[in-house]
Amino acid sequence: QNQMRHEINQVSRENDALEENTGKLGDEADRVGEMDEKLRIIAEAQGTNVEKLVDLVRENHLALQQMKALIKAQTAQQLVELVMESDTDGDYTIDDDECELLILKMKNFRSYIKVHEKNFRDAMKKSGGSLQGVMNIVKTVVLDDSEVPDDEKIFLIDEHLGQRDKGKAKKKK
């Protein structure tokens, strides 16, 4: 029990660090977006080559996509750790009680990924609760699921990076 508390505390510290990083990334993304808009205004006012400006905006978009992919990968890694911790009896299977513990941990996990509980439970049943099956479910965090309807996704992207959904949604400036 002390080991589990220690592991939960360690994951909590790691989550805090990730939350801080995602917050910084969100702030940076906001600043870049504001800069893009200012550059457009300046370009129009000065008659600058709009084509070059569009290229810069595309490059900026690619950089933001790469940053999002990195955060998804970090989040997936931490979710894998939560899965491993949730196998409390060490039998490499997540049973119903361990699944409930895992869902609770994921709900309290500070990231921009939210778990769709029903879809997660359904996927767990399909995988038979095997650790490998659960790991395959967690790997879906990094996949491009933009074509999948939200109500069918296991993990949902929260546009308010790193904030818990407790009525404190980050307001746009």
N, C-alpha and C. Protein backbone atom coordinates (compact mmCIF):
# COMPACT_ATOMS: atom_id res chain seq x y z
N GLN A 1 0.83 -1.19 0.00
CA GLN A 1 0.00 0.00 0.00
C GLN A 1 0.87 1.25 0.00
N ASN A 2 1.97 1.24 0.77
CA ASN A 2 2.88 2.38 0.76
C ASN A 2 3.50 2.55 -0.61
N GLN A 3 3.85 1.41 -1.25
CA GLN A 3 4.44 1.47 -2.60
C GLN A 3 3.45 2.10 -3.57
N MET A 4 2.17 1.70 -3.46
CA MET A 4 1.17 2.25 -4.37
C MET A 4 1.01 3.75 -4.13
N ARG A 5 0.98 4.17 -2.85
CA ARG A 5 0.90 5.60 -2.54
C ARG A 5 2.09 6.33 -3.12
N HIS A 6 3.27 5.72 -2.98
CA HIS A 6 4.49 6.33 -3.53
C HIS A 6 4.37 6.47 -5.04
N GLU A 7 3.87 5.41 -5.70
CA GLU A 7 3.73 5.46 -7.16
C GLU A 7 2.69 6.49 -7.57
N ILE A 8 1.59 6.56 -6.84
CA ILE A 8 0.56 7.55 -7.16
C ILE A 8 1.12 8.95 -6.97
N ASN A 9 1.88 9.16 -5.89
CA ASN A 9 2.50 10.47 -5.67
C ASN A 9 3.47 10.81 -6.78
N GLN A 10 4.23 9.80 -7.23
CA GLN A 10 5.19 10.03 -8.31
C GLN A 10 4.46 10.39 -9.60
N VAL A 11 3.40 9.66 -9.91
CA VAL A 11 2.63 9.96 -11.12
C VAL A 11 2.00 11.35 -11.00
N SER A 12 1.55 11.67 -9.81
CA SER A 12 0.97 13.00 -9.59
C SER A 12 1.99 14.10 -9.86
N ARG A 13 3.23 13.89 -9.37
CA ARG A 13 4.29 14.88 -9.64
C ARG A 13 4.57 14.98 -11.14
N GLU A 14 4.60 13.84 -11.79
CA GLU A 14 4.83 13.84 -13.24
C GLU A 14 3.68 14.53 -13.97
N ASN A 15 2.48 14.28 -13.50
CA ASN A 15 1.31 14.93 -14.10
C ASN A 15 1.38 16.44 -13.91
N ASP A 16 1.80 16.87 -12.72
CA ASP A 16 1.94 18.30 -12.46
C ASP A 16 2.94 18.92 -13.43
N ALA A 17 4.06 18.23 -13.65
CA ALA A 17 5.06 18.74 -14.59
C ALA A 17 4.50 18.78 -16.00
N LEU A 18 3.75 17.75 -16.40
CA LEU A 18 3.15 17.72 -17.73
C LEU A 18 2.12 18.83 -17.86
N GLU A 19 1.34 19.03 -16.81
CA GLU A 19 0.33 20.08 -16.84
C GLU A 19 0.99 21.45 -17.03
N GLU A 20 2.09 21.66 -16.32
CA GLU A 20 2.81 22.93 -16.47
C GLU A 20 3.33 23.09 -17.90
N ASN A 21 3.88 22.00 -18.44
CA ASN A 21 4.39 22.06 -19.82
C ASN A 21 3.28 22.29 -20.83
N THR A 22 2.14 21.61 -20.64
CA THR A 22 1.06 21.80 -21.60
C THR A 22 0.47 23.21 -21.47
N GLY A 23 0.45 23.73 -20.26
CA GLY A 23 0.00 25.11 -20.07
C GLY A 23 0.91 26.08 -20.80
N LYS A 24 2.20 25.86 -20.68
CA LYS A 24 3.16 26.72 -21.38
C LYS A 24 2.99 26.58 -22.88
N LEU A 25 2.77 25.34 -23.34
CA LEU A 25 2.58 25.12 -24.77
C LEU A 25 1.31 25.82 -25.25
N GLY A 26 0.26 25.74 -24.46
CA GLY A 26 -0.98 26.44 -24.83
C GLY A 26 -0.77 27.93 -24.91
N ASP A 27 -0.05 28.49 -23.94
CA ASP A 27 0.25 29.92 -23.97
C ASP A 27 1.09 30.27 -25.19
N GLU A 28 2.06 29.42 -25.49
CA GLU A 28 2.92 29.66 -26.66
C GLU A 28 2.10 29.59 -27.94
N ALA A 29 1.19 28.64 -28.02
CA ALA A 29 0.34 28.51 -29.21
C ALA A 29 -0.53 29.75 -29.35
N ASP A 30 -1.06 30.26 -28.24
CA ASP A 30 -1.84 31.49 -28.29
C ASP A 30 -1.01 32.65 -28.80
N ARG A 31 0.23 32.77 -28.29
CA ARG A 31 1.12 33.86 -28.72
C ARG A 31 1.43 33.75 -30.21
N VAL A 32 1.67 32.52 -30.66
CA VAL A 32 1.98 32.32 -32.08
C VAL A 32 0.78 32.70 -32.93
N GLY A 33 -0.41 32.33 -32.49
CA GLY A 33 -1.63 32.70 -33.22
C GLY A 33 -1.80 34.20 -33.30
N GLU A 34 -1.55 34.89 -32.19
CA GLU A 34 -1.64 36.35 -32.19
C GLU A 34 -0.60 36.96 -33.12
N MET A 35 0.61 36.38 -33.11
CA MET A 35 1.67 36.86 -33.99
C MET A 35 1.28 36.68 -35.45
N ASP A 36 0.69 35.54 -35.77
CA ASP A 36 0.25 35.29 -37.15
C ASP A 36 -0.72 36.37 -37.61
N GLU A 37 -1.67 36.68 -36.76
CA GLU A 37 -2.67 37.70 -37.12
C GLU A 37 -2.01 39.06 -37.30
N LYS A 38 -1.10 39.42 -36.41
CA LYS A 38 -0.40 40.70 -36.54
C LYS A 38 0.43 40.75 -37.82
N LEU A 39 1.08 39.62 -38.15
CA LEU A 39 1.86 39.57 -39.39
C LEU A 39 0.96 39.76 -40.62
N ARG A 40 -0.22 39.17 -40.58
CA ARG A 40 -1.14 39.35 -41.71
C ARG A 40 -1.51 40.81 -41.88
N ILE A 41 -1.80 41.45 -40.77
CA ILE A 41 -2.19 42.87 -40.82
C ILE A 41 -1.05 43.71 -41.35
N ILE A 42 0.16 43.45 -40.85
CA ILE A 42 1.34 44.20 -41.31
C ILE A 42 1.58 43.94 -42.80
N ALA A 43 1.46 42.70 -43.21
CA ALA A 43 1.69 42.35 -44.62
C ALA A 43 0.70 43.07 -45.53
N GLU A 44 -0.55 43.09 -45.12
CA GLU A 44 -1.55 43.78 -45.93
C GLU A 44 -1.28 45.27 -45.98
N ALA A 45 -0.90 45.85 -44.84
CA ALA A 45 -0.64 47.29 -44.78
C ALA A 45 0.58 47.68 -45.61
N GLN A 46 1.57 46.83 -45.65
CA GLN A 46 2.81 47.16 -46.34
C GLN A 46 2.89 46.55 -47.73
N GLY A 47 1.89 45.78 -48.12
CA GLY A 47 1.91 45.18 -49.44
C GLY A 47 2.96 44.09 -49.59
N THR A 48 3.34 43.46 -48.48
CA THR A 48 4.34 42.40 -48.51
C THR A 48 3.80 41.21 -49.28
N ASN A 49 4.69 40.41 -49.78
CA ASN A 49 4.32 39.23 -50.54
C ASN A 49 3.50 38.29 -49.67
N VAL A 50 2.22 38.20 -49.96
CA VAL A 50 1.30 37.40 -49.16
C VAL A 50 1.65 35.91 -49.27
N GLU A 51 2.18 35.52 -50.40
CA GLU A 51 2.55 34.12 -50.59
C GLU A 51 3.61 33.68 -49.59
N LYS A 52 4.60 34.52 -49.35
CA LYS A 52 5.63 34.21 -48.35
C LYS A 52 5.01 34.11 -46.96
N LEU A 53 4.10 35.02 -46.70
CA LEU A 53 3.45 35.02 -45.40
C LEU A 53 2.62 33.75 -45.21
N VAL A 54 1.93 33.31 -46.25
CA VAL A 54 1.13 32.09 -46.17
C VAL A 54 2.05 30.90 -45.91
N ASP A 55 3.22 30.88 -46.54
CA ASP A 55 4.19 29.81 -46.30
C ASP A 55 4.62 29.79 -44.84
N LEU A 56 4.87 30.97 -44.28
CA LEU A 56 5.26 31.05 -42.87
C LEU A 56 4.14 30.54 -41.96
N VAL A 57 2.93 30.88 -42.29
CA VAL A 57 1.79 30.42 -41.49
C VAL A 57 1.68 28.89 -41.58
N ARG A 58 1.90 28.33 -42.79
CA ARG A 58 1.88 26.86 -42.94
C ARG A 58 2.97 26.21 -42.09
N GLU A 59 4.17 26.80 -42.13
CA GLU A 59 5.26 26.25 -41.31
C GLU A 59 4.89 26.30 -39.84
N ASN A 60 4.29 27.39 -39.42
CA ASN A 60 3.86 27.53 -38.04
C ASN A 60 2.83 26.47 -37.68
N HIS A 61 1.90 26.24 -38.58
CA HIS A 61 0.87 25.21 -38.35
C HIS A 61 1.52 23.84 -38.20
N LEU A 62 2.49 23.52 -39.04
CA LEU A 62 3.19 22.24 -38.94
C LEU A 62 3.91 22.11 -37.60
N ALA A 63 4.55 23.19 -37.17
CA ALA A 63 5.26 23.17 -35.88
C ALA A 63 4.27 22.90 -34.75
N LEU A 64 3.11 23.53 -34.80
CA LEU A 64 2.10 23.31 -33.76
C LEU A 64 1.60 21.86 -33.78
N GLN A 65 1.41 21.30 -34.98
CA GLN A 65 0.99 19.90 -35.09
C GLN A 65 2.03 18.97 -34.48
N GLN A 66 3.30 19.27 -34.72
CA GLN A 66 4.37 18.43 -34.16
C GLN A 66 4.39 18.53 -32.64
N MET A 67 4.16 19.73 -32.12
CA MET A 67 4.12 19.88 -30.66
C MET A 67 2.95 19.10 -30.08
N LYS A 68 1.80 19.13 -30.74
CA LYS A 68 0.64 18.37 -30.26
C LYS A 68 0.95 16.87 -30.28
N ALA A 69 1.61 16.41 -31.34
CA ALA A 69 1.96 14.99 -31.43
C ALA A 69 2.89 14.59 -30.29
N LEU A 70 3.84 15.45 -29.96
CA LEU A 70 4.76 15.17 -28.86
C LEU A 70 4.00 15.07 -27.54
N ILE A 71 3.09 15.97 -27.30
CA ILE A 71 2.31 15.94 -26.06
C ILE A 71 1.45 14.69 -26.01
N LYS A 72 0.88 14.30 -27.15
CA LYS A 72 0.09 13.06 -27.18
C LYS A 72 0.96 11.87 -26.81
N ALA A 73 2.17 11.83 -27.34
CA ALA A 73 3.08 10.71 -27.06
C ALA A 73 3.45 10.69 -25.57
N GLN A 74 3.72 11.85 -25.00
CA GLN A 74 4.03 11.91 -23.57
C GLN A 74 2.84 11.45 -22.74
N THR A 75 1.66 11.88 -23.15
CA THR A 75 0.45 11.49 -22.43
C THR A 75 0.24 9.99 -22.52
N ALA A 76 0.44 9.42 -23.71
CA ALA A 76 0.29 7.96 -23.88
C ALA A 76 1.26 7.22 -22.97
N GLN A 77 2.49 7.73 -22.87
CA GLN A 77 3.48 7.09 -22.02
C GLN A 77 3.02 7.10 -20.56
N GLN A 78 2.49 8.21 -20.13
CA GLN A 78 2.03 8.29 -18.74
C GLN A 78 0.78 7.43 -18.52
N LEU A 79 -0.06 7.31 -19.54
CA LEU A 79 -1.23 6.44 -19.42
C LEU A 79 -0.79 4.98 -19.30
N VAL A 80 0.27 4.61 -20.02
CA VAL A 80 0.80 3.25 -19.90
C VAL A 80 1.24 2.99 -18.46
N GLU A 81 1.87 3.98 -17.85
CA GLU A 81 2.29 3.83 -16.45
C GLU A 81 1.07 3.65 -15.54
N LEU A 82 -0.01 4.38 -15.82
CA LEU A 82 -1.23 4.23 -15.02
C LEU A 82 -1.80 2.82 -15.17
N VAL A 83 -1.74 2.28 -16.40
CA VAL A 83 -2.23 0.92 -16.64
C VAL A 83 -1.42 -0.07 -15.82
N MET A 84 -0.11 0.07 -15.87
CA MET A 84 0.76 -0.87 -15.14
C MET A 84 0.47 -0.79 -13.63
N GLU A 85 0.30 0.41 -13.12
CA GLU A 85 0.02 0.58 -11.69
C GLU A 85 -1.34 -0.01 -11.30
N SER A 86 -2.27 0.02 -12.25
CA SER A 86 -3.63 -0.45 -11.95
C SER A 86 -3.73 -1.96 -11.90
N ASP A 87 -2.74 -2.67 -12.43
CA ASP A 87 -2.72 -4.13 -12.33
C ASP A 87 -2.21 -4.49 -10.93
N THR A 88 -3.07 -4.26 -9.94
CA THR A 88 -2.65 -4.36 -8.54
C THR A 88 -2.26 -5.77 -8.11
N ASP A 89 -2.84 -6.78 -8.75
CA ASP A 89 -2.48 -8.15 -8.36
C ASP A 89 -1.35 -8.73 -9.21
N GLY A 90 -0.88 -7.96 -10.18
CA GLY A 90 0.28 -8.38 -10.97
C GLY A 90 0.03 -9.56 -11.89
N ASP A 91 -1.23 -9.80 -12.27
CA ASP A 91 -1.51 -10.95 -13.13
C ASP A 91 -1.56 -10.60 -14.62
N TYR A 92 -1.15 -9.39 -14.96
CA TYR A 92 -1.12 -8.90 -16.35
C TYR A 92 -2.49 -8.91 -17.01
N THR A 93 -3.50 -8.75 -16.17
CA THR A 93 -4.88 -8.62 -16.64
C THR A 93 -5.54 -7.53 -15.80
N ILE A 94 -6.29 -6.68 -16.47
CA ILE A 94 -7.03 -5.64 -15.76
C ILE A 94 -8.46 -6.16 -15.59
N ASP A 95 -8.78 -6.57 -14.34
CA ASP A 95 -10.13 -7.08 -14.07
C ASP A 95 -11.07 -5.90 -13.82
N ASP A 96 -12.33 -6.17 -13.51
CA ASP A 96 -13.33 -5.11 -13.36
C ASP A 96 -12.96 -4.10 -12.29
N ASP A 97 -12.50 -4.57 -11.12
CA ASP A 97 -12.12 -3.65 -10.04
C ASP A 97 -10.92 -2.80 -10.45
N GLU A 98 -9.96 -3.43 -11.09
CA GLU A 98 -8.77 -2.69 -11.54
C GLU A 98 -9.14 -1.72 -12.65
N CYS A 99 -10.11 -2.09 -13.47
CA CYS A 99 -10.59 -1.19 -14.53
C CYS A 99 -11.20 0.06 -13.91
N GLU A 100 -11.99 -0.13 -12.86
CA GLU A 100 -12.58 1.03 -12.18
C GLU A 100 -11.49 1.93 -11.61
N LEU A 101 -10.47 1.32 -11.00
CA LEU A 101 -9.34 2.08 -10.47
C LEU A 101 -8.63 2.83 -11.59
N LEU A 102 -8.42 2.15 -12.71
CA LEU A 102 -7.75 2.77 -13.86
C LEU A 102 -8.55 3.95 -14.40
N ILE A 103 -9.85 3.78 -14.52
CA ILE A 103 -10.71 4.87 -15.01
C ILE A 103 -10.64 6.06 -14.04
N LEU A 104 -10.68 5.77 -12.75
CA LEU A 104 -10.57 6.84 -11.76
C LEU A 104 -9.24 7.58 -11.91
N LYS A 105 -8.16 6.84 -12.08
CA LYS A 105 -6.85 7.46 -12.25
C LYS A 105 -6.81 8.30 -13.53
N MET A 106 -7.41 7.77 -14.61
CA MET A 106 -7.40 8.52 -15.87
C MET A 106 -8.25 9.78 -15.77
N LYS A 107 -9.35 9.71 -15.02
CA LYS A 107 -10.20 10.90 -14.85
C LYS A 107 -9.46 11.98 -14.07
N ASN A 108 -8.58 11.58 -13.16
CA ASN A 108 -7.82 12.54 -12.36
C ASN A 108 -6.49 12.91 -12.99
N PHE A 109 -6.18 12.30 -14.11
CA PHE A 109 -4.93 12.54 -14.82
C PHE A 109 -5.01 13.89 -15.52
N ARG A 110 -4.09 14.78 -15.19
CA ARG A 110 -4.12 16.12 -15.77
C ARG A 110 -3.44 16.11 -17.14
N SER A 111 -4.25 16.15 -18.15
CA SER A 111 -3.75 16.25 -19.51
C SER A 111 -4.88 16.81 -20.35
N TYR A 112 -4.66 16.89 -21.63
CA TYR A 112 -5.74 17.37 -22.48
C TYR A 112 -6.50 16.21 -23.11
N ILE A 113 -6.28 15.03 -22.60
CA ILE A 113 -6.98 13.84 -23.07
C ILE A 113 -8.01 13.43 -22.02
N LYS A 114 -9.25 13.26 -22.46
CA LYS A 114 -10.31 12.78 -21.57
C LYS A 114 -10.71 11.39 -22.02
N VAL A 115 -11.04 10.54 -21.07
CA VAL A 115 -11.46 9.17 -21.40
C VAL A 115 -12.99 9.13 -21.51
N HIS A 116 -13.48 8.51 -22.57
CA HIS A 116 -14.91 8.26 -22.74
C HIS A 116 -15.16 6.91 -22.06
N GLU A 117 -15.69 6.95 -20.84
CA GLU A 117 -15.75 5.77 -19.98
C GLU A 117 -16.46 4.58 -20.62
N LYS A 118 -17.62 4.81 -21.22
CA LYS A 118 -18.37 3.69 -21.82
C LYS A 118 -17.56 3.04 -22.93
N ASN A 119 -16.99 3.85 -23.81
CA ASN A 119 -16.21 3.30 -24.92
C ASN A 119 -14.96 2.58 -24.40
N PHE A 120 -14.37 3.13 -23.33
CA PHE A 120 -13.19 2.48 -22.75
C PHE A 120 -13.57 1.13 -22.17
N ARG A 121 -14.68 1.08 -21.43
CA ARG A 121 -15.14 -0.20 -20.85
C ARG A 121 -15.44 -1.22 -21.96
N ASP A 122 -16.11 -0.75 -23.04
CA ASP A 122 -16.42 -1.65 -24.15
C ASP A 122 -15.14 -2.19 -24.77
N ALA A 123 -14.16 -1.32 -24.98
CA ALA A 123 -12.88 -1.76 -25.56
C ALA A 123 -12.17 -2.72 -24.60
N MET A 124 -12.30 -2.46 -23.31
CA MET A 124 -11.69 -3.36 -22.31
C MET A 124 -12.30 -4.75 -22.41
N LYS A 125 -13.63 -4.81 -22.55
CA LYS A 125 -14.30 -6.11 -22.66
C LYS A 125 -13.84 -6.85 -23.91
N LYS A 126 -13.71 -6.10 -25.02
CA LYS A 126 -13.26 -6.72 -26.28
C LYS A 126 -11.84 -7.26 -26.15
N SER A 127 -11.01 -6.56 -25.36
CA SER A 127 -9.61 -6.99 -25.21
C SER A 127 -9.47 -8.11 -24.18
N GLY A 128 -10.54 -8.39 -23.46
CA GLY A 128 -10.49 -9.41 -22.42
C GLY A 128 -9.73 -8.95 -21.19
N GLY A 129 -9.41 -7.65 -21.15
CA GLY A 129 -8.70 -7.11 -20.00
C GLY A 129 -7.23 -7.43 -19.99
N SER A 130 -6.73 -8.06 -21.05
CA SER A 130 -5.30 -8.38 -21.08
C SER A 130 -4.49 -7.09 -21.07
N LEU A 131 -3.35 -7.13 -20.43
CA LEU A 131 -2.51 -5.95 -20.34
C LEU A 131 -2.13 -5.46 -21.74
N GLN A 132 -1.81 -6.39 -22.63
CA GLN A 132 -1.47 -6.01 -24.01
C GLN A 132 -2.66 -5.34 -24.70
N GLY A 133 -3.85 -5.88 -24.48
CA GLY A 133 -5.05 -5.29 -25.06
C GLY A 133 -5.29 -3.88 -24.55
N VAL A 134 -5.08 -3.68 -23.25
CA VAL A 134 -5.26 -2.35 -22.66
C VAL A 134 -4.20 -1.40 -23.22
N MET A 135 -2.98 -1.89 -23.38
CA MET A 135 -1.91 -1.06 -23.95
C MET A 135 -2.28 -0.63 -25.37
N ASN A 136 -2.89 -1.54 -26.13
CA ASN A 136 -3.32 -1.20 -27.49
C ASN A 136 -4.41 -0.13 -27.47
N ILE A 137 -5.27 -0.19 -26.47
CA ILE A 137 -6.30 0.85 -26.32
C ILE A 137 -5.63 2.19 -26.04
N VAL A 138 -4.67 2.20 -25.13
CA VAL A 138 -3.98 3.44 -24.76
C VAL A 138 -3.24 4.01 -25.96
N LYS A 139 -2.69 3.15 -26.81
CA LYS A 139 -1.95 3.63 -27.99
C LYS A 139 -2.83 4.44 -28.93
N THR A 140 -4.15 4.27 -28.84
CA THR A 140 -5.04 5.03 -29.73
C THR A 140 -4.98 6.52 -29.46
N VAL A 141 -4.42 6.91 -28.33
CA VAL A 141 -4.28 8.34 -28.01
C VAL A 141 -3.48 9.05 -29.09
N VAL A 142 -2.46 8.39 -29.63
CA VAL A 142 -1.56 9.06 -30.59
C VAL A 142 -2.05 8.95 -32.03
N LEU A 143 -3.11 8.19 -32.28
CA LEU A 143 -3.61 8.04 -33.64
C LEU A 143 -4.43 9.26 -34.07
N ASP A 144 -4.45 9.50 -35.37
CA ASP A 144 -5.30 10.56 -35.92
C ASP A 144 -6.69 9.98 -36.08
N ASP A 145 -7.58 10.37 -35.19
CA ASP A 145 -8.94 9.85 -35.24
C ASP A 145 -9.93 10.95 -35.62
N SER A 146 -9.47 11.91 -36.42
CA SER A 146 -10.31 13.04 -36.79
C SER A 146 -11.54 12.63 -37.58
N GLU A 147 -11.50 11.45 -38.22
CA GLU A 147 -12.63 10.97 -39.00
C GLU A 147 -13.64 10.21 -38.13
N VAL A 148 -13.26 9.89 -36.90
CA VAL A 148 -14.13 9.11 -36.01
C VAL A 148 -15.04 10.06 -35.24
N PRO A 149 -16.35 9.81 -35.24
CA PRO A 149 -17.27 10.67 -34.47
C PRO A 149 -16.90 10.65 -32.98
N ASP A 150 -17.05 11.80 -32.32
CA ASP A 150 -16.68 11.91 -30.90
C ASP A 150 -17.33 10.84 -30.03
N ASP A 151 -18.59 10.48 -30.34
CA ASP A 151 -19.28 9.51 -29.48
C ASP A 151 -18.75 8.09 -29.65
N GLU A 152 -17.85 7.86 -30.63
CA GLU A 152 -17.25 6.54 -30.82
C GLU A 152 -15.79 6.50 -30.35
N LYS A 153 -15.23 7.65 -30.01
CA LYS A 153 -13.83 7.71 -29.60
C LYS A 153 -13.68 7.20 -28.17
N ILE A 154 -12.50 6.65 -27.87
CA ILE A 154 -12.19 6.22 -26.51
C ILE A 154 -11.61 7.39 -25.74
N PHE A 155 -10.74 8.13 -26.41
CA PHE A 155 -10.11 9.29 -25.79
C PHE A 155 -10.50 10.53 -26.58
N LEU A 156 -10.86 11.58 -25.86
CA LEU A 156 -11.28 12.83 -26.48
C LEU A 156 -10.25 13.91 -26.19
N ILE A 157 -10.05 14.78 -27.15
CA ILE A 157 -9.13 15.89 -26.98
C ILE A 157 -9.88 17.03 -26.30
N ASP A 158 -9.31 17.53 -25.22
CA ASP A 158 -9.88 18.67 -24.50
C ASP A 158 -9.17 19.91 -25.02
N GLU A 159 -9.94 20.83 -25.59
CA GLU A 159 -9.31 22.03 -26.17
C GLU A 159 -8.64 22.91 -25.12
N HIS A 160 -8.95 22.69 -23.86
CA HIS A 160 -8.36 23.48 -22.78
C HIS A 160 -7.21 22.67 -22.19
N LEU A 161 -6.08 22.71 -22.88
CA LEU A 161 -4.92 21.88 -22.54
C LEU A 161 -4.63 21.82 -21.05
N GLY A 162 -4.60 20.61 -20.53
CA GLY A 162 -4.12 20.37 -19.18
C GLY A 162 -5.00 20.83 -18.05
N GLN A 163 -6.20 21.29 -18.35
CA GLN A 163 -7.06 21.74 -17.27
C GLN A 163 -8.12 20.70 -16.99
N ARG A 164 -8.41 20.52 -15.72
CA ARG A 164 -9.48 19.59 -15.35
C ARG A 164 -10.81 20.26 -15.65
N ASP A 165 -11.79 19.47 -15.96
CA ASP A 165 -13.12 19.98 -16.31
C ASP A 165 -13.94 20.19 -15.04
N LYS A 166 -13.69 21.29 -14.36
CA LYS A 166 -14.43 21.59 -13.12
C LYS A 166 -15.00 23.01 -13.20
N GLY A 167 -15.46 23.38 -14.41
CA GLY A 167 -16.04 24.70 -14.57
C GLY A 167 -15.00 25.81 -14.64
N LYS A 168 -13.75 25.45 -14.79
CA LYS A 168 -12.68 26.45 -14.83
C LYS A 168 -12.09 26.51 -16.23
N ALA A 169 -12.91 26.37 -17.23
CA ALA A 169 -12.40 26.35 -18.61
C ALA A 169 -11.63 27.63 -18.90
N LYS A 170 -10.52 27.47 -19.55
CA LYS A 170 -9.68 28.60 -19.90
C LYS A 170 -10.41 29.46 -20.92
N LYS A 171 -10.52 30.72 -20.65
CA LYS A 171 -11.22 31.61 -21.54
C LYS A 171 -10.28 32.16 -22.58
N LYS A 172 -10.82 32.28 -23.82
CA LYS A 172 -10.02 32.84 -24.91
C LYS A 172 -9.94 34.35 -24.72
N LYS A 173 -8.78 34.89 -25.08
CA LYS A 173 -8.58 36.34 -24.95
C LYS A 173 -9.18 37.08 -26.10
